[in-house]
Amino acid sequence: MEIQVKLTDKLNALLATYQIHYQNLRALHWNVKGANFFELHLKYEELYTRTQIIIDDLAERILTLESTPLHKFQDYLTVSAIKENETIFNGNSGIEYILSVQKTLILLEKEILKISDELNDDGTNAMMSDLIREKEKTNWMFTAWLNKK
């Protein structure tokens, strides 16, 4: 497979994964219950709002690379690295879900980073580096929130 095609295929897989993650975050926001309701309701909204921006940036990056971003939910479900969640009410379970998905997203972003580096594609490279750095920081914060080592 030509390396440029491999890059856009990986970017589309990342886009699909973020789309499923976005909807899972919306579900967390809608369904959270318990003592941390107010705190988590706001945090989940912050996260899905940020994810919406990332989705748009990814689609535009794919277009910049003269390819076509996926846009059908069936395609998202087929190529996403994550699945749709069952309903999660518990705050700890929601944060654990986020940590798990962010680790998956980092792995995908690192794969793309490696390919974009081979192509000397500084735009994609910078985008992936920024996303990885952002998730590493929030993973530290979520782990601290859960009071885990």
Protein backbone atom coordinates (compact mmCIF):
# COMPACT_ATOMS: atom_id res chain seq x y z
CA MET A 1 0.00 0.00 0.00
CA GLU A 2 1.32 3.40 -0.94
CA ILE A 3 2.44 5.23 2.19
CA GLN A 4 0.28 8.32 1.49
CA VAL A 5 -2.81 6.10 1.22
CA LYS A 6 -1.79 4.30 4.40
CA LEU A 7 -1.59 7.67 6.15
CA THR A 8 -5.06 8.80 5.08
CA ASP A 9 -6.51 5.36 5.93
CA LYS A 10 -5.03 5.66 9.44
CA LEU A 11 -6.33 9.23 9.74
CA ASN A 12 -9.80 8.00 8.76
CA ALA A 13 -9.56 5.24 11.37
CA LEU A 14 -8.63 7.87 13.94
CA LEU A 15 -11.53 10.06 12.78
CA ALA A 16 -13.93 7.11 13.14
CA THR A 17 -12.59 6.32 16.60
CA TYR A 18 -13.05 9.92 17.71
CA GLN A 19 -16.61 9.93 16.32
CA ILE A 20 -17.58 6.88 18.37
CA HIS A 21 -15.75 8.31 21.38
CA TYR A 22 -17.64 11.58 20.94
CA GLN A 23 -20.99 9.81 21.17
CA ASN A 24 -19.81 7.76 24.15
CA LEU A 25 -18.81 11.00 25.89
CA ARG A 26 -22.25 12.47 25.18
CA ALA A 27 -23.80 9.39 26.77
CA LEU A 28 -21.57 9.78 29.84
CA HIS A 29 -22.65 13.43 30.11
CA TRP A 30 -26.34 12.56 29.85
CA ASN A 31 -26.32 9.57 32.18
CA VAL A 32 -23.87 10.29 35.01
CA LYS A 33 -25.34 9.97 38.50
CA GLY A 34 -24.02 10.22 42.02
CA ALA A 35 -22.02 12.44 44.33
CA ASN A 36 -19.75 13.76 41.54
CA PHE A 37 -22.63 14.57 39.17
CA PHE A 38 -22.01 18.31 38.84
CA GLU A 39 -18.24 17.99 38.49
CA LEU A 40 -18.39 15.15 35.94
CA HIS A 41 -21.34 16.54 34.00
CA LEU A 42 -19.25 19.64 33.27
CA LYS A 43 -16.05 17.66 32.59
CA TYR A 44 -17.79 15.34 30.12
CA GLU A 45 -19.21 18.37 28.31
CA GLU A 46 -15.74 19.90 28.14
CA LEU A 47 -14.38 16.64 26.73
CA TYR A 48 -17.04 16.14 24.06
CA THR A 49 -16.77 19.78 23.01
CA ARG A 50 -13.00 19.38 22.59
CA THR A 51 -13.53 16.09 20.75
CA GLN A 52 -15.87 17.84 18.31
CA ILE A 53 -13.07 20.25 17.41
CA ILE A 54 -10.58 17.39 16.98
CA ILE A 55 -13.03 15.59 14.67
CA ASP A 56 -13.35 18.66 12.45
CA ASP A 57 -9.57 19.21 12.44
CA LEU A 58 -8.99 15.56 11.43
CA ALA A 59 -11.51 15.73 8.60
CA GLU A 60 -9.93 18.94 7.34
CA ARG A 61 -6.45 17.40 7.55
CA ILE A 62 -7.64 14.44 5.47
CA LEU A 63 -9.03 16.90 2.90
CA THR A 64 -5.76 18.85 2.95
CA LEU A 65 -4.00 15.60 2.04
CA GLU A 66 -6.36 15.36 -0.95
CA SER A 67 -8.39 12.44 0.37
CA THR A 68 -11.96 12.07 1.55
CA PRO A 69 -12.90 11.84 5.22
CA LEU A 70 -15.31 9.14 6.28
CA HIS A 71 -18.74 10.53 7.10
CA LYS A 72 -21.15 7.59 7.45
CA PHE A 73 -21.82 6.17 10.89
CA GLN A 74 -21.68 2.65 9.48
CA ASP A 75 -18.12 3.37 8.32
CA TYR A 76 -17.26 4.74 11.76
CA LEU A 77 -18.57 1.61 13.44
CA THR A 78 -16.65 -0.59 11.01
CA VAL A 79 -13.20 1.03 11.28
CA SER A 80 -13.23 2.52 14.77
CA ALA A 81 -10.74 1.07 17.25
CA ILE A 82 -13.41 1.30 19.97
CA LYS A 83 -17.03 0.24 20.23
CA GLU A 84 -20.16 1.99 21.42
CA ASN A 85 -20.56 1.88 25.19
CA GLU A 86 -23.37 0.42 27.16
CA THR A 87 -24.90 3.05 29.44
CA ILE A 88 -22.48 4.12 32.18
CA PHE A 89 -23.94 5.87 35.23
CA ASN A 90 -21.01 5.61 37.65
CA GLY A 91 -18.42 8.41 37.63
CA ASN A 92 -15.43 6.17 38.31
CA SER A 93 -16.46 3.83 35.49
CA GLY A 94 -16.81 6.82 33.17
CA ILE A 95 -13.33 8.11 33.95
CA GLU A 96 -11.88 4.61 33.59
CA TYR A 97 -13.55 4.39 30.16
CA ILE A 98 -11.95 7.72 29.18
CA LEU A 99 -8.50 6.57 30.34
CA SER A 100 -8.83 3.36 28.36
CA VAL A 101 -9.94 5.10 25.18
CA GLN A 102 -7.28 7.77 25.45
CA LYS A 103 -4.63 5.04 25.58
CA THR A 104 -6.11 3.57 22.39
CA LEU A 105 -6.16 7.00 20.74
CA ILE A 106 -2.53 7.63 21.71
CA LEU A 107 -1.50 4.34 20.09
CA LEU A 108 -3.28 5.31 16.85
CA GLU A 109 -1.80 8.80 16.95
CA LYS A 110 1.70 7.38 17.45
CA GLU A 111 1.20 5.10 14.42
CA ILE A 112 0.17 8.11 12.36
CA LEU A 113 3.09 10.12 13.76
CA LYS A 114 5.51 7.45 12.52
CA ILE A 115 3.99 7.43 9.02
CA SER A 116 3.78 11.23 8.80
CA ASP A 117 7.42 11.42 9.86
CA GLU A 118 8.40 9.08 7.01
CA LEU A 119 6.53 11.38 4.61
CA ASN A 120 8.04 14.56 6.08
CA ASP A 121 4.45 15.66 6.65
CA ASP A 122 5.04 18.32 9.28
CA GLY A 123 1.36 19.34 9.47
CA THR A 124 0.09 15.88 10.37
CA ASN A 125 3.13 15.30 12.56
CA ALA A 126 2.48 18.47 14.59
CA MET A 127 -1.20 17.64 14.92
CA MET A 128 -0.50 14.15 16.26
CA SER A 129 2.18 15.42 18.65
CA ASP A 130 -0.24 18.00 20.06
CA LEU A 131 -2.99 15.41 20.52
CA ILE A 132 -0.64 12.97 22.25
CA ARG A 133 0.71 15.63 24.61
CA GLU A 134 -2.81 16.77 25.49
CA LYS A 135 -3.95 13.22 26.30
CA GLU A 136 -0.87 12.41 28.33
CA LYS A 137 -1.66 15.38 30.58
CA THR A 138 -5.35 14.56 30.95
CA ASN A 139 -4.51 10.90 31.62
CA TRP A 140 -2.34 12.04 34.52
CA MET A 141 -5.22 14.17 35.84
CA PHE A 142 -7.84 11.43 35.47
CA THR A 143 -5.55 8.92 37.16
CA ALA A 144 -5.08 11.37 40.04
CA TRP A 145 -8.86 11.90 40.22
CA LEU A 146 -9.33 8.15 40.54
CA ASN A 147 -6.59 8.21 43.20
CA LYS A 148 -4.63 5.49 41.39
CA LYS A 149 -0.87 5.17 41.01
